[in-house]
Amino acid sequence: LRVTVVCVAQSWHPAAMHTAKEVEKIRKQNTFRMNIFMIDADSEQNKTWNYGITSTPALLFFYNGKPLTIRRSDHNDDCKFVGSVSKENLIELFQYARSAETDGAKILYVEF
């Protein structure tokens, strides 16, 4: 498994917990066959600050241990996807990550 996803959330934040629960469902189903980890932003502040995470929910994507760049229109390139997202878009985001592994890409082109 060369793609790793890290979901950063805070237990007191409803939108972050919603995203975390959806990511956890994906992890349990193992649909995308990738490493998926959950981090509590409040208890792991050093890790979150290292990636510039100042709000949650946030998703980090890694390929072979190196951060993937997320490219979205109207946003600066970044190593994280921050903000609440629908279940459908979350699945689409994971599909982009899987295709990056297949293609050996270092950039996730996100269309939403």
PDB file of N, CA and C in Angstrom:
ATOM      1  N   LEU A   1       0.846  -1.180   0.000  1.00  0.00           N
ATOM      2  CA  LEU A   1       0.000   0.000   0.000  1.00  0.00           C
ATOM      3  C   LEU A   1       0.882   1.230   0.000  1.00  0.00           C
ATOM      4  N   ARG A   2       0.861   1.962  -1.086  1.00  0.00           N
ATOM      5  CA  ARG A   2       1.741   3.108  -1.197  1.00  0.00           C
ATOM      6  C   ARG A   2       1.053   4.425  -0.901  1.00  0.00           C
ATOM      7  N   VAL A   3      -0.277   4.430  -0.906  1.00  0.00           N
ATOM      8  CA  VAL A   3      -0.999   5.662  -0.577  1.00  0.00           C
ATOM      9  C   VAL A   3      -1.458   5.599   0.874  1.00  0.00           C
ATOM     10  N   THR A   4      -1.209   6.689   1.583  1.00  0.00           N
ATOM     11  CA  THR A   4      -1.636   6.809   2.971  1.00  0.00           C
ATOM     12  C   THR A   4      -2.475   8.069   3.093  1.00  0.00           C
ATOM     13  N   VAL A   5      -3.561   7.951   3.827  1.00  0.00           N
ATOM     14  CA  VAL A   5      -4.446   9.094   4.089  1.00  0.00           C
ATOM     15  C   VAL A   5      -4.475   9.310   5.594  1.00  0.00           C
ATOM     16  N   VAL A   6      -4.337  10.552   5.996  1.00  0.00           N
ATOM     17  CA  VAL A   6      -4.439  10.912   7.411  1.00  0.00           C
ATOM     18  C   VAL A   6      -5.600  11.890   7.546  1.00  0.00           C
ATOM     19  N   CYS A   7      -6.560  11.510   8.373  1.00  0.00           N
ATOM     20  CA  CYS A   7      -7.704  12.376   8.653  1.00  0.00           C
ATOM     21  C   CYS A   7      -7.461  13.047   9.991  1.00  0.00           C
ATOM     22  N   VAL A   8      -7.476  14.367   9.996  1.00  0.00           N
ATOM     23  CA  VAL A   8      -7.262  15.142  11.213  1.00  0.00           C
ATOM     24  C   VAL A   8      -8.594  15.767  11.607  1.00  0.00           C
ATOM     25  N   ALA A   9      -9.019  15.488  12.834  1.00  0.00           N
ATOM     26  CA  ALA A   9     -10.308  15.990  13.301  1.00  0.00           C
ATOM     27  C   ALA A   9     -10.218  16.364  14.774  1.00  0.00           C
ATOM     28  N   GLN A  10     -11.251  17.023  15.238  1.00  0.00           N
ATOM     29  CA  GLN A  10     -11.369  17.379  16.650  1.00  0.00           C
ATOM     30  C   GLN A  10     -12.709  16.846  17.140  1.00  0.00           C
ATOM     31  N   SER A  11     -12.708  16.165  18.292  1.00  0.00           N
ATOM     32  CA  SER A  11     -13.907  15.479  18.769  1.00  0.00           C
ATOM     33  C   SER A  11     -15.058  16.437  19.093  1.00  0.00           C
ATOM     34  N   TRP A  12     -14.753  17.682  19.365  1.00  0.00           N
ATOM     35  CA  TRP A  12     -15.797  18.648  19.713  1.00  0.00           C
ATOM     36  C   TRP A  12     -16.380  19.369  18.498  1.00  0.00           C
ATOM     37  N   HIS A  13     -15.818  19.122  17.314  1.00  0.00           N
ATOM     38  CA  HIS A  13     -16.204  19.844  16.099  1.00  0.00           C
ATOM     39  C   HIS A  13     -17.134  18.965  15.254  1.00  0.00           C
ATOM     40  N   PRO A  14     -18.429  19.311  15.161  1.00  0.00           N
ATOM     41  CA  PRO A  14     -19.388  18.444  14.460  1.00  0.00           C
ATOM     42  C   PRO A  14     -19.012  18.116  13.007  1.00  0.00           C
ATOM     43  N   ALA A  15     -18.599  19.113  12.228  1.00  0.00           N
ATOM     44  CA  ALA A  15     -18.249  18.847  10.824  1.00  0.00           C
ATOM     45  C   ALA A  15     -17.018  17.945  10.727  1.00  0.00           C
ATOM     46  N   ALA A  16     -16.049  18.176  11.599  1.00  0.00           N
ATOM     47  CA  ALA A  16     -14.848  17.335  11.596  1.00  0.00           C
ATOM     48  C   ALA A  16     -15.189  15.898  11.978  1.00  0.00           C
ATOM     49  N   MET A  17     -16.059  15.730  12.966  1.00  0.00           N
ATOM     50  CA  MET A  17     -16.435  14.383  13.385  1.00  0.00           C
ATOM     51  C   MET A  17     -17.250  13.678  12.311  1.00  0.00           C
ATOM     52  N   HIS A  18     -18.068  14.422  11.585  1.00  0.00           N
ATOM     53  CA  HIS A  18     -18.819  13.811  10.478  1.00  0.00           C
ATOM     54  C   HIS A  18     -17.849  13.262   9.424  1.00  0.00           C
ATOM     55  N   THR A  19     -16.882  14.079   9.043  1.00  0.00           N
ATOM     56  CA  THR A  19     -15.887  13.634   8.063  1.00  0.00           C
ATOM     57  C   THR A  19     -15.093  12.456   8.611  1.00  0.00           C
ATOM     58  N   ALA A  20     -14.681  12.529   9.872  1.00  0.00           N
ATOM     59  CA  ALA A  20     -13.909  11.443  10.480  1.00  0.00           C
ATOM     60  C   ALA A  20     -14.699  10.134  10.472  1.00  0.00           C
ATOM     61  N   LYS A  21     -15.992  10.200  10.756  1.00  0.00           N
ATOM     62  CA  LYS A  21     -16.823   8.985  10.748  1.00  0.00           C
ATOM     63  C   LYS A  21     -16.923   8.396   9.349  1.00  0.00           C
ATOM     64  N   GLU A  22     -17.054   9.253   8.348  1.00  0.00           N
ATOM     65  CA  GLU A  22     -17.119   8.766   6.965  1.00  0.00           C
ATOM     66  C   GLU A  22     -15.779   8.147   6.545  1.00  0.00           C
ATOM     67  N   VAL A  23     -14.677   8.780   6.939  1.00  0.00           N
ATOM     68  CA  VAL A  23     -13.354   8.229   6.622  1.00  0.00           C
ATOM     69  C   VAL A  23     -13.174   6.886   7.333  1.00  0.00           C
ATOM     70  N   GLU A  24     -13.634   6.795   8.561  1.00  0.00           N
ATOM     71  CA  GLU A  24     -13.530   5.536   9.317  1.00  0.00           C
ATOM     72  C   GLU A  24     -14.322   4.424   8.634  1.00  0.00           C
ATOM     73  N   LYS A  25     -15.490   4.742   8.095  1.00  0.00           N
ATOM     74  CA  LYS A  25     -16.274   3.745   7.352  1.00  0.00           C
ATOM     75  C   LYS A  25     -15.493   3.254   6.132  1.00  0.00           C
ATOM     76  N   ILE A  26     -14.880   4.187   5.424  1.00  0.00           N
ATOM     77  CA  ILE A  26     -14.075   3.821   4.248  1.00  0.00           C
ATOM     78  C   ILE A  26     -12.909   2.940   4.677  1.00  0.00           C
ATOM     79  N   ARG A  27     -12.269   3.291   5.803  1.00  0.00           N
ATOM     80  CA  ARG A  27     -11.141   2.502   6.302  1.00  0.00           C
ATOM     81  C   ARG A  27     -11.574   1.079   6.623  1.00  0.00           C
ATOM     82  N   LYS A  28     -12.704   0.933   7.287  1.00  0.00           N
ATOM     83  CA  LYS A  28     -13.193  -0.395   7.672  1.00  0.00           C
ATOM     84  C   LYS A  28     -13.587  -1.234   6.461  1.00  0.00           C
ATOM     85  N   GLN A  29     -14.160  -0.584   5.451  1.00  0.00           N
ATOM     86  CA  GLN A  29     -14.558  -1.303   4.242  1.00  0.00           C
ATOM     87  C   GLN A  29     -13.356  -1.710   3.403  1.00  0.00           C
ATOM     88  N   ASN A  30     -12.254  -0.990   3.567  1.00  0.00           N
ATOM     89  CA  ASN A  30     -11.023  -1.247   2.819  1.00  0.00           C
ATOM     90  C   ASN A  30     -11.249  -1.235   1.310  1.00  0.00           C
ATOM     91  N   THR A  31     -12.201  -0.431   0.876  1.00  0.00           N
ATOM     92  CA  THR A  31     -12.547  -0.345  -0.536  1.00  0.00           C
ATOM     93  C   THR A  31     -11.375   0.117  -1.393  1.00  0.00           C
ATOM     94  N   PHE A  32     -10.617   1.079  -0.889  1.00  0.00           N
ATOM     95  CA  PHE A  32      -9.565   1.691  -1.695  1.00  0.00           C
ATOM     96  C   PHE A  32      -8.194   1.086  -1.454  1.00  0.00           C
ATOM     97  N   ARG A  33      -8.101   0.145  -0.523  1.00  0.00           N
ATOM     98  CA  ARG A  33      -6.849  -0.555  -0.248  1.00  0.00           C
ATOM     99  C   ARG A  33      -5.686   0.412  -0.067  1.00  0.00           C
ATOM    100  N   MET A  34      -5.832   1.278   0.934  1.00  0.00           N
ATOM    101  CA  MET A  34      -4.767   2.204   1.279  1.00  0.00           C
ATOM    102  C   MET A  34      -4.701   2.319   2.796  1.00  0.00           C
ATOM    103  N   ASN A  35      -3.580   2.792   3.285  1.00  0.00           N
ATOM    104  CA  ASN A  35      -3.436   3.025   4.718  1.00  0.00           C
ATOM    105  C   ASN A  35      -4.218   4.271   5.090  1.00  0.00           C
ATOM    106  N   ILE A  36      -5.046   4.162   6.118  1.00  0.00           N
ATOM    107  CA  ILE A  36      -5.838   5.306   6.570  1.00  0.00           C
ATOM    108  C   ILE A  36      -5.665   5.428   8.077  1.00  0.00           C
ATOM    109  N   PHE A  37      -5.277   6.625   8.508  1.00  0.00           N
ATOM    110  CA  PHE A  37      -5.061   6.887   9.925  1.00  0.00           C
ATOM    111  C   PHE A  37      -5.898   8.080  10.361  1.00  0.00           C
ATOM    112  N   MET A  38      -6.278   8.061  11.620  1.00  0.00           N
ATOM    113  CA  MET A  38      -7.043   9.154  12.212  1.00  0.00           C
ATOM    114  C   MET A  38      -6.174   9.828  13.270  1.00  0.00           C
ATOM    115  N   ILE A  39      -6.195  11.157  13.294  1.00  0.00           N
ATOM    116  CA  ILE A  39      -5.440  11.918  14.294  1.00  0.00           C
ATOM    117  C   ILE A  39      -6.379  12.921  14.960  1.00  0.00           C
ATOM    118  N   ASP A  40      -6.337  12.969  16.274  1.00  0.00           N
ATOM    119  CA  ASP A  40      -7.069  13.983  17.037  1.00  0.00           C
ATOM    120  C   ASP A  40      -6.193  15.232  17.080  1.00  0.00           C
ATOM    121  N   ALA A  41      -6.669  16.295  16.461  1.00  0.00           N
ATOM    122  CA  ALA A  41      -5.873  17.533  16.352  1.00  0.00           C
ATOM    123  C   ALA A  41      -5.526  18.114  17.709  1.00  0.00           C
ATOM    124  N   ASP A  42      -6.392  17.937  18.685  1.00  0.00           N
ATOM    125  CA  ASP A  42      -6.137  18.515  20.004  1.00  0.00           C
ATOM    126  C   ASP A  42      -5.025  17.783  20.754  1.00  0.00           C
ATOM    127  N   SER A  43      -4.954  16.467  20.602  1.00  0.00           N
ATOM    128  CA  SER A  43      -3.923  15.714  21.329  1.00  0.00           C
ATOM    129  C   SER A  43      -2.625  15.569  20.532  1.00  0.00           C
ATOM    130  N   GLU A  44      -2.668  15.868  19.251  1.00  0.00           N
ATOM    131  CA  GLU A  44      -1.478  15.735  18.393  1.00  0.00           C
ATOM    132  C   GLU A  44      -1.140  17.072  17.729  1.00  0.00           C
ATOM    133  N   GLN A  45      -1.106  18.135  18.515  1.00  0.00           N
ATOM    134  CA  GLN A  45      -0.894  19.473  17.950  1.00  0.00           C
ATOM    135  C   GLN A  45       0.425  19.614  17.208  1.00  0.00           C
ATOM    136  N   ASN A  46       1.486  18.996  17.689  1.00  0.00           N
ATOM    137  CA  ASN A  46       2.777  19.101  16.994  1.00  0.00           C
ATOM    138  C   ASN A  46       2.696  18.549  15.581  1.00  0.00           C
ATOM    139  N   LYS A  47       2.045  17.402  15.421  1.00  0.00           N
ATOM    140  CA  LYS A  47       1.915  16.806  14.089  1.00  0.00           C
ATOM    141  C   LYS A  47       1.072  17.683  13.178  1.00  0.00           C
ATOM    142  N   THR A  48      -0.019  18.196  13.705  1.00  0.00           N
ATOM    143  CA  THR A  48      -0.886  19.014  12.859  1.00  0.00           C
ATOM    144  C   THR A  48      -0.216  20.327  12.467  1.00  0.00           C
ATOM    145  N   TRP A  49       0.503  20.950  13.392  1.00  0.00           N
ATOM    146  CA  TRP A  49       1.203  22.203  13.082  1.00  0.00           C
ATOM    147  C   TRP A  49       2.291  21.986  12.035  1.00  0.00           C
ATOM    148  N   ASN A  50       2.937  20.815  12.058  1.00  0.00           N
ATOM    149  CA  ASN A  50       3.988  20.523  11.076  1.00  0.00           C
ATOM    150  C   ASN A  50       3.459  20.584   9.646  1.00  0.00           C
ATOM    151  N   TYR A  51       2.168  20.298   9.474  1.00  0.00           N
ATOM    152  CA  TYR A  51       1.573  20.340   8.146  1.00  0.00           C
ATOM    153  C   TYR A  51       0.713  21.584   7.934  1.00  0.00           C
ATOM    154  N   GLY A  52       0.813  22.533   8.836  1.00  0.00           N
ATOM    155  CA  GLY A  52       0.097  23.787   8.678  1.00  0.00           C
ATOM    156  C   GLY A  52      -1.404  23.670   8.872  1.00  0.00           C
ATOM    157  N   ILE A  53      -1.830  22.671   9.611  1.00  0.00           N
ATOM    158  CA  ILE A  53      -3.263  22.487   9.838  1.00  0.00           C
ATOM    159  C   ILE A  53      -3.694  23.351  11.008  1.00  0.00           C
ATOM    160  N   THR A  54      -4.564  24.295  10.703  1.00  0.00           N
ATOM    161  CA  THR A  54      -5.071  25.187  11.741  1.00  0.00           C
ATOM    162  C   THR A  54      -6.577  25.048  11.924  1.00  0.00           C
ATOM    163  N   SER A  55      -7.225  24.279  11.049  1.00  0.00           N
ATOM    164  CA  SER A  55      -8.647  24.008  11.204  1.00  0.00           C
ATOM    165  C   SER A  55      -8.951  22.599  10.701  1.00  0.00           C
ATOM    166  N   THR A  56     -10.065  22.074  11.183  1.00  0.00           N
ATOM    167  CA  THR A  56     -10.442  20.716  10.821  1.00  0.00           C
ATOM    168  C   THR A  56     -11.877  20.714  10.306  1.00  0.00           C
ATOM    169  N   PRO A  57     -12.236  19.686   9.550  1.00  0.00           N
ATOM    170  CA  PRO A  57     -11.470  18.501   9.226  1.00  0.00           C
ATOM    171  C   PRO A  57     -10.408  18.790   8.174  1.00  0.00           C
ATOM    172  N   ALA A  58      -9.363  17.997   8.197  1.00  0.00           N
ATOM    173  CA  ALA A  58      -8.295  18.102   7.204  1.00  0.00           C
ATOM    174  C   ALA A  58      -7.868  16.698   6.800  1.00  0.00           C
ATOM    175  N   LEU A  59      -7.561  16.542   5.535  1.00  0.00           N
ATOM    176  CA  LEU A  59      -7.080  15.268   5.018  1.00  0.00           C
ATOM    177  C   LEU A  59      -5.718  15.482   4.388  1.00  0.00           C
ATOM    178  N   LEU A  60      -4.793  14.630   4.758  1.00  0.00           N
ATOM    179  CA  LEU A  60      -3.453  14.628   4.171  1.00  0.00           C
ATOM    180  C   LEU A  60      -3.306  13.350   3.351  1.00  0.00           C
ATOM    181  N   PHE A  61      -2.701  13.463   2.194  1.00  0.00           N
ATOM    182  CA  PHE A  61      -2.483  12.312   1.325  1.00  0.00           C
ATOM    183  C   PHE A  61      -0.991  12.169   1.071  1.00  0.00           C
ATOM    184  N   PHE A  62      -0.499  10.945   1.206  1.00  0.00           N
ATOM    185  CA  PHE A  62       0.915  10.650   0.998  1.00  0.00           C
ATOM    186  C   PHE A  62       1.051   9.533  -0.024  1.00  0.00           C
ATOM    187  N   TYR A  63       2.086   9.640  -0.826  1.00  0.00           N
ATOM    188  CA  TYR A  63       2.422   8.585  -1.778  1.00  0.00           C
ATOM    189  C   TYR A  63       3.871   8.203  -1.522  1.00  0.00           C
ATOM    190  N   ASN A  64       4.099   6.952  -1.187  1.00  0.00           N
ATOM    191  CA  ASN A  64       5.443   6.475  -0.824  1.00  0.00           C
ATOM    192  C   ASN A  64       6.074   7.340   0.264  1.00  0.00           C
ATOM    193  N   GLY A  65       5.253   7.771   1.224  1.00  0.00           N
ATOM    194  CA  GLY A  65       5.753   8.530   2.367  1.00  0.00           C
ATOM    195  C   GLY A  65       5.933  10.021   2.135  1.00  0.00           C
ATOM    196  N   LYS A  66       5.675  10.488   0.926  1.00  0.00           N
ATOM    197  CA  LYS A  66       5.834  11.915   0.622  1.00  0.00           C
ATOM    198  C   LYS A  66       4.469  12.538   0.380  1.00  0.00           C
ATOM    199  N   PRO A  67       4.253  13.765   0.888  1.00  0.00           N
ATOM    200  CA  PRO A  67       2.945  14.403   0.708  1.00  0.00           C
ATOM    201  C   PRO A  67       2.611  14.607  -0.767  1.00  0.00           C
ATOM    202  N   LEU A  68       1.365  14.307  -1.108  1.00  0.00           N
ATOM    203  CA  LEU A  68       0.857  14.616  -2.436  1.00  0.00           C
ATOM    204  C   LEU A  68       0.366  16.060  -2.438  1.00  0.00           C
ATOM    205  N   THR A  69       0.550  16.732  -3.530  1.00  0.00           N
ATOM    206  CA  THR A  69       0.043  18.088  -3.692  1.00  0.00           C
ATOM    207  C   THR A  69      -1.408  17.996  -4.149  1.00  0.00           C
ATOM    208  N   ILE A  70      -2.263  18.782  -3.518  1.00  0.00           N
ATOM    209  CA  ILE A  70      -3.663  18.833  -3.913  1.00  0.00           C
ATOM    210  C   ILE A  70      -3.874  20.123  -4.676  1.00  0.00           C
ATOM    211  N   ARG A  71      -4.353  19.982  -5.895  1.00  0.00           N
ATOM    212  CA  ARG A  71      -4.566  21.138  -6.769  1.00  0.00           C
ATOM    213  C   ARG A  71      -6.061  21.276  -7.062  1.00  0.00           C
ATOM    214  N   ARG A  72      -6.610  22.434  -6.667  1.00  0.00           N
ATOM    215  CA  ARG A  72      -8.025  22.735  -6.913  1.00  0.00           C
ATOM    216  C   ARG A  72      -8.114  24.113  -7.542  1.00  0.00           C
ATOM    217  N   SER A  73      -9.100  24.295  -8.391  1.00  0.00           N
ATOM    218  CA  SER A  73      -9.297  25.630  -8.965  1.00  0.00           C
ATOM    219  C   SER A  73      -9.697  26.587  -7.845  1.00  0.00           C
ATOM    220  N   ASP A  74      -9.263  27.804  -7.957  1.00  0.00           N
ATOM    221  CA  ASP A  74      -9.549  28.860  -6.975  1.00  0.00           C
ATOM    222  C   ASP A  74      -8.911  28.622  -5.611  1.00  0.00           C
ATOM    223  N   HIS A  75      -7.917  27.740  -5.528  1.00  0.00           N
ATOM    224  CA  HIS A  75      -7.180  27.491  -4.289  1.00  0.00           C
ATOM    225  C   HIS A  75      -5.692  27.409  -4.614  1.00  0.00           C
ATOM    226  N   ASN A  76      -4.871  27.731  -3.663  1.00  0.00           N
ATOM    227  CA  ASN A  76      -3.436  27.509  -3.828  1.00  0.00           C
ATOM    228  C   ASN A  76      -3.145  26.026  -3.671  1.00  0.00           C
ATOM    229  N   ASP A  77      -2.118  25.546  -4.356  1.00  0.00           N
ATOM    230  CA  ASP A  77      -1.688  24.158  -4.162  1.00  0.00           C
ATOM    231  C   ASP A  77      -1.332  23.954  -2.700  1.00  0.00           C
ATOM    232  N   ASP A  78      -1.665  22.794  -2.179  1.00  0.00           N
ATOM    233  CA  ASP A  78      -1.409  22.525  -0.770  1.00  0.00           C
ATOM    234  C   ASP A  78      -1.220  21.030  -0.574  1.00  0.00           C
ATOM    235  N   CYS A  79      -0.695  20.664   0.577  1.00  0.00           N
ATOM    236  CA  CYS A  79      -0.501  19.247   0.900  1.00  0.00           C
ATOM    237  C   CYS A  79      -1.696  18.707   1.675  1.00  0.00           C
ATOM    238  N   LYS A  80      -2.711  19.528   1.889  1.00  0.00           N
ATOM    239  CA  LYS A  80      -3.862  19.079   2.672  1.00  0.00           C
ATOM    240  C   LYS A  80      -5.158  19.552   2.028  1.00  0.00           C
ATOM    241  N   PHE A  81      -6.205  18.811   2.312  1.00  0.00           N
ATOM    242  CA  PHE A  81      -7.546  19.193   1.901  1.00  0.00           C
ATOM    243  C   PHE A  81      -8.288  19.539   3.180  1.00  0.00           C
ATOM    244  N   VAL A  82      -8.681  20.789   3.328  1.00  0.00           N
ATOM    245  CA  VAL A  82      -9.302  21.255   4.569  1.00  0.00           C
ATOM    246  C   VAL A  82     -10.752  21.614   4.303  1.00  0.00           C
ATOM    247  N   GLY A  83     -11.613  21.165   5.185  1.00  0.00           N
ATOM    248  CA  GLY A  83     -13.016  21.525   5.107  1.00  0.00           C
ATOM    249  C   GLY A  83     -13.919  20.324   5.016  1.00  0.00           C
ATOM    250  N   SER A  84     -15.159  20.565   5.352  1.00  0.00           N
ATOM    251  CA  SER A  84     -16.165  19.516   5.298  1.00  0.00           C
ATOM    252  C   SER A  84     -16.471  19.186   3.838  1.00  0.00           C
ATOM    253  N   VAL A  85     -16.759  17.940   3.598  1.00  0.00           N
ATOM    254  CA  VAL A  85     -17.018  17.498   2.232  1.00  0.00           C
ATOM    255  C   VAL A  85     -18.110  16.431   2.272  1.00  0.00           C
ATOM    256  N   SER A  86     -18.932  16.381   1.230  1.00  0.00           N
ATOM    257  CA  SER A  86     -19.996  15.378   1.181  1.00  0.00           C
ATOM    258  C   SER A  86     -19.382  13.986   1.065  1.00  0.00           C
ATOM    259  N   LYS A  87     -20.178  12.989   1.404  1.00  0.00           N
ATOM    260  CA  LYS A  87     -19.709  11.604   1.296  1.00  0.00           C
ATOM    261  C   LYS A  87     -19.295  11.284  -0.141  1.00  0.00           C
ATOM    262  N   GLU A  88     -20.064  11.760  -1.095  1.00  0.00           N
ATOM    263  CA  GLU A  88     -19.758  11.503  -2.506  1.00  0.00           C
ATOM    264  C   GLU A  88     -18.418  12.126  -2.900  1.00  0.00           C
ATOM    265  N   ASN A  89     -18.191  13.374  -2.468  1.00  0.00           N
ATOM    266  CA  ASN A  89     -16.920  14.027  -2.792  1.00  0.00           C
ATOM    267  C   ASN A  89     -15.757  13.399  -2.036  1.00  0.00           C
ATOM    268  N   LEU A  90     -16.014  12.915  -0.837  1.00  0.00           N
ATOM    269  CA  LEU A  90     -14.973  12.223  -0.085  1.00  0.00           C
ATOM    270  C   LEU A  90     -14.538  10.960  -0.820  1.00  0.00           C
ATOM    271  N   ILE A  91     -15.495  10.211  -1.315  1.00  0.00           N
ATOM    272  CA  ILE A  91     -15.186   9.006  -2.091  1.00  0.00           C
ATOM    273  C   ILE A  91     -14.426   9.379  -3.354  1.00  0.00           C
ATOM    274  N   GLU A  92     -14.848  10.464  -4.001  1.00  0.00           N
ATOM    275  CA  GLU A  92     -14.147  10.937  -5.195  1.00  0.00           C
ATOM    276  C   GLU A  92     -12.699  11.317  -4.871  1.00  0.00           C
ATOM    277  N   LEU A  93     -12.494  11.955  -3.739  1.00  0.00           N
ATOM    278  CA  LEU A  93     -11.149  12.335  -3.304  1.00  0.00           C
ATOM    279  C   LEU A  93     -10.270  11.105  -3.107  1.00  0.00           C
ATOM    280  N   PHE A  94     -10.818  10.061  -2.513  1.00  0.00           N
ATOM    281  CA  PHE A  94     -10.075   8.817  -2.330  1.00  0.00           C
ATOM    282  C   PHE A  94      -9.794   8.154  -3.681  1.00  0.00           C
ATOM    283  N   GLN A  95     -10.726   8.274  -4.615  1.00  0.00           N
ATOM    284  CA  GLN A  95     -10.493   7.728  -5.957  1.00  0.00           C
ATOM    285  C   GLN A  95      -9.348   8.474  -6.649  1.00  0.00           C
ATOM    286  N   TYR A  96      -9.289   9.797  -6.472  1.00  0.00           N
ATOM    287  CA  TYR A  96      -8.172  10.569  -7.026  1.00  0.00           C
ATOM    288  C   TYR A  96      -6.850  10.064  -6.442  1.00  0.00           C
ATOM    289  N   ALA A  97      -6.847   9.790  -5.142  1.00  0.00           N
ATOM    290  CA  ALA A  97      -5.626   9.303  -4.498  1.00  0.00           C
ATOM    291  C   ALA A  97      -5.228   7.938  -5.052  1.00  0.00           C
ATOM    292  N   ARG A  98      -6.199   7.071  -5.281  1.00  0.00           N
ATOM    293  CA  ARG A  98      -5.892   5.754  -5.863  1.00  0.00           C
ATOM    294  C   ARG A  98      -5.337   5.907  -7.275  1.00  0.00           C
ATOM    295  N   SER A  99      -5.895   6.821  -8.040  1.00  0.00           N
ATOM    296  CA  SER A  99      -5.390   7.004  -9.402  1.00  0.00           C
ATOM    297  C   SER A  99      -3.985   7.585  -9.377  1.00  0.00           C
ATOM    298  N   ALA A 100      -3.668   8.396  -8.371  1.00  0.00           N
ATOM    299  CA  ALA A 100      -2.298   8.908  -8.252  1.00  0.00           C
ATOM    300  C   ALA A 100      -1.336   7.752  -8.040  1.00  0.00           C
ATOM    301  N   GLU A 101      -1.741   6.781  -7.253  1.00  0.00           N
ATOM    302  CA  GLU A 101      -0.885   5.612  -7.035  1.00  0.00           C
ATOM    303  C   GLU A 101      -0.714   4.830  -8.335  1.00  0.00           C
ATOM    304  N   THR A 102      -1.794   4.652  -9.055  1.00  0.00           N
ATOM    305  CA  THR A 102      -1.739   3.910 -10.320  1.00  0.00           C
ATOM    306  C   THR A 102      -0.857   4.615 -11.339  1.00  0.00           C
ATOM    307  N   ASP A 103      -0.992   5.949 -11.410  1.00  0.00           N
ATOM    308  CA  ASP A 103      -0.258   6.736 -12.403  1.00  0.00           C
ATOM    309  C   ASP A 103       1.132   7.156 -11.933  1.00  0.00           C
ATOM    310  N   GLY A 104       1.403   6.990 -10.627  1.00  0.00           N
ATOM    311  CA  GLY A 104       2.665   7.473 -10.078  1.00  0.00           C
ATOM    312  C   GLY A 104       2.712   8.985  -9.992  1.00  0.00           C
ATOM    313  N   ALA A 105       1.537   9.615  -9.962  1.00  0.00           N
ATOM    314  CA  ALA A 105       1.453  11.075  -9.938  1.00  0.00           C
ATOM    315  C   ALA A 105       1.794  11.617  -8.557  1.00  0.00           C
ATOM    316  N   LYS A 106       2.194  12.881  -8.524  1.00  0.00           N
ATOM    317  CA  LYS A 106       2.504  13.540  -7.258  1.00  0.00           C
ATOM    318  C   LYS A 106       1.515  14.657  -6.955  1.00  0.00           C
ATOM    319  N   ILE A 107       0.549  14.818  -7.861  1.00  0.00           N
ATOM    320  CA  ILE A 107      -0.453  15.880  -7.701  1.00  0.00           C
ATOM    321  C   ILE A 107      -1.842  15.258  -7.823  1.00  0.00           C
ATOM    322  N   LEU A 108      -2.720  15.605  -6.872  1.00  0.00           N
ATOM    323  CA  LEU A 108      -4.130  15.217  -6.955  1.00  0.00           C
ATOM    324  C   LEU A 108      -4.879  16.396  -7.551  1.00  0.00           C
ATOM    325  N   TYR A 109      -5.475  16.209  -8.704  1.00  0.00           N
ATOM    326  CA  TYR A 109      -6.278  17.243  -9.321  1.00  0.00           C
ATOM    327  C   TYR A 109      -7.720  17.051  -8.869  1.00  0.00           C
ATOM    328  N   VAL A 110      -8.193  17.947  -8.035  1.00  0.00           N
ATOM    329  CA  VAL A 110      -9.532  17.832  -7.450  1.00  0.00           C
ATOM    330  C   VAL A 110     -10.441  18.820  -8.143  1.00  0.00           C
ATOM    331  N   GLU A 111     -11.588  18.342  -8.594  1.00  0.00           N
ATOM    332  CA  GLU A 111     -12.482  19.165  -9.398  1.00  0.00           C
ATOM    333  C   GLU A 111     -13.671  19.708  -8.633  1.00  0.00           C
ATOM    334  N   PHE A 112     -13.657  19.651  -7.321  1.00  0.00           N
ATOM    335  CA  PHE A 112     -14.767  20.213  -6.555  1.00  0.00           C
ATOM    336  C   PHE A 112     -14.241  21.137  -5.501  1.00  0.00           C
TER     337      PHE A 112
END
